[in-house]
Amino acid sequence: MTAPLSGRRVLIVEDESLVAMLLETILEDMGCTPVGPAANIDDGLRLAVEETPLDAALLDVNVAGRQVFPVAEALKARGVPFIFSTGYGESGLPDVWRGQPTIQKPFTEAAVRDALMAAMGVSRA
């Protein structure tokens, strides 16, 4: 049986190398192909615009002192679902981004999987 997220390409934008490595491992364990990780907004934006295909993205809200929202805008324009990750949870997001799938740090593998499945509209079948 194939895992529901198997083969999906997921962009990681995360400036903390240990967190980025954890996300890569979690994604690989789920059968996904990690894209990146991008450790700054400029690299994240380049990957968000140029990398094809992208099935989803995991975006740290605060990346090297800058907010990730330009990357989120680029992904939204392409129709790529994304999940914010932040130590503050959804309440730390500006009003315009409230309601966007968000996982709170520290997160579990289950939280990442569930958020990705929800964002991509994948069922547990």
Protein backbone atom coordinates (compact mmCIF):
# COMPACT_ATOMS: atom_id res chain seq x y z
CA MET A 1 0.00 0.00 0.00
CA THR A 2 1.31 3.45 -0.91
CA ALA A 3 1.45 6.12 1.78
CA PRO A 4 -1.00 8.95 1.06
CA LEU A 5 1.78 11.55 0.75
CA SER A 6 4.22 9.35 -1.16
CA GLY A 7 5.95 11.13 -4.01
CA ARG A 8 4.80 14.62 -3.00
CA ARG A 9 7.38 17.41 -3.36
CA VAL A 10 7.35 19.67 -0.31
CA LEU A 11 9.31 22.93 -0.04
CA ILE A 12 10.92 23.66 3.33
CA VAL A 13 11.72 27.25 4.32
CA GLU A 14 13.41 27.12 7.73
CA ASP A 15 16.50 28.93 9.01
CA GLU A 16 17.24 26.67 11.99
CA SER A 17 19.31 23.81 10.60
CA LEU A 18 18.23 21.26 13.23
CA VAL A 19 14.55 22.00 12.58
CA ALA A 20 15.13 21.86 8.81
CA MET A 21 16.85 18.46 9.16
CA LEU A 22 14.01 17.20 11.34
CA LEU A 23 11.46 18.29 8.72
CA GLU A 24 13.48 16.61 5.95
CA THR A 25 13.51 13.37 7.95
CA ILE A 26 9.78 13.58 8.72
CA LEU A 27 8.98 14.21 5.04
CA GLU A 28 11.22 11.38 3.86
CA ASP A 29 9.62 9.02 6.40
CA MET A 30 6.24 9.89 4.85
CA GLY A 31 7.55 9.19 1.34
CA CYS A 32 7.76 12.86 0.36
CA THR A 33 10.63 14.51 -1.50
CA PRO A 34 11.91 17.53 0.46
CA VAL A 35 12.71 20.60 -1.67
CA GLY A 36 15.31 22.89 -0.12
CA PRO A 37 15.52 23.59 2.68
CA ALA A 38 15.82 27.31 2.07
CA ALA A 39 17.44 29.07 5.03
CA ASN A 40 16.50 32.60 3.96
CA ILE A 41 13.62 34.43 2.30
CA ASP A 42 15.42 35.06 -1.01
CA ASP A 43 16.22 31.36 -1.54
CA GLY A 44 12.71 30.42 -0.42
CA LEU A 45 11.18 32.86 -2.87
CA ARG A 46 13.36 31.58 -5.72
CA LEU A 47 12.36 27.97 -5.01
CA ALA A 48 8.69 28.94 -4.58
CA VAL A 49 8.69 30.58 -8.02
CA GLU A 50 11.06 28.33 -10.00
CA GLU A 51 10.75 24.82 -8.54
CA THR A 52 8.35 22.62 -10.48
CA PRO A 53 6.38 20.75 -9.45
CA LEU A 54 5.68 21.69 -5.86
CA ASP A 55 2.87 19.93 -4.03
CA ALA A 56 3.06 21.84 -0.75
CA ALA A 57 5.36 23.89 1.48
CA LEU A 58 6.29 24.19 5.15
CA LEU A 59 7.12 27.80 5.99
CA ASP A 60 8.75 29.01 9.17
CA VAL A 61 7.14 32.41 9.84
CA ASN A 62 10.35 34.13 11.00
CA VAL A 63 13.30 33.24 8.76
CA ALA A 64 16.62 34.85 9.62
CA GLY A 65 14.86 37.91 11.02
CA ARG A 66 12.48 38.34 8.07
CA GLN A 67 8.86 37.29 7.75
CA VAL A 68 8.08 34.54 5.25
CA PHE A 69 4.96 36.16 3.79
CA PRO A 70 6.50 37.06 0.37
CA VAL A 71 7.14 33.31 -0.11
CA ALA A 72 3.57 32.55 1.01
CA GLU A 73 2.24 35.08 -1.54
CA ALA A 74 4.26 33.47 -4.35
CA LEU A 75 2.99 30.00 -3.41
CA LYS A 76 -0.59 31.25 -3.14
CA ALA A 77 -0.31 32.79 -6.62
CA ARG A 78 0.77 29.37 -7.96
CA GLY A 79 -1.98 27.54 -6.09
CA VAL A 80 0.53 25.60 -3.95
CA PRO A 81 -0.85 24.79 -0.48
CA PHE A 82 1.39 25.72 2.43
CA ILE A 83 1.58 25.44 6.19
CA PHE A 84 3.10 27.99 8.51
CA SER A 85 5.23 26.80 11.42
CA THR A 86 5.75 29.13 14.35
CA GLY A 87 6.44 29.10 18.06
CA TYR A 88 3.41 31.36 18.51
CA GLY A 89 0.76 29.25 16.79
CA GLU A 90 -1.92 30.80 14.61
CA SER A 91 -2.38 33.68 17.06
CA GLY A 92 1.09 34.94 16.05
CA LEU A 93 0.00 35.45 12.43
CA PRO A 94 -1.22 38.76 10.97
CA ASP A 95 -4.99 38.83 10.45
CA VAL A 96 -4.64 38.39 6.68
CA TRP A 97 -3.03 34.94 7.20
CA ARG A 98 -5.29 33.70 10.01
CA GLY A 99 -7.06 30.51 9.07
CA GLN A 100 -4.07 29.30 7.05
CA PRO A 101 -2.94 25.84 8.21
CA THR A 102 -0.41 26.38 11.00
CA ILE A 103 1.62 24.04 13.17
CA GLN A 104 3.09 25.22 16.43
CA LYS A 105 6.71 24.55 17.32
CA PRO A 106 7.81 22.22 18.71
CA PHE A 107 5.78 19.99 16.40
CA THR A 108 5.38 16.24 16.09
CA GLU A 109 5.57 14.08 12.99
CA ALA A 110 1.81 13.51 13.32
CA ALA A 111 1.15 17.27 13.38
CA VAL A 112 3.21 17.78 10.21
CA ARG A 113 1.53 14.83 8.44
CA ASP A 114 -1.99 15.89 9.45
CA ALA A 115 -1.38 19.52 8.40
CA LEU A 116 0.06 18.48 5.03
CA MET A 117 -2.79 16.07 4.36
CA ALA A 118 -5.37 18.73 5.26
CA ALA A 119 -3.66 21.42 3.19
CA MET A 120 -3.42 19.15 0.14
CA GLY A 121 -6.88 17.66 0.61
CA VAL A 122 -5.47 14.13 0.89
CA SER A 123 -7.54 11.51 2.71
CA ARG A 124 -6.12 8.76 4.90
CA ALA A 125 -7.35 6.07 2.50
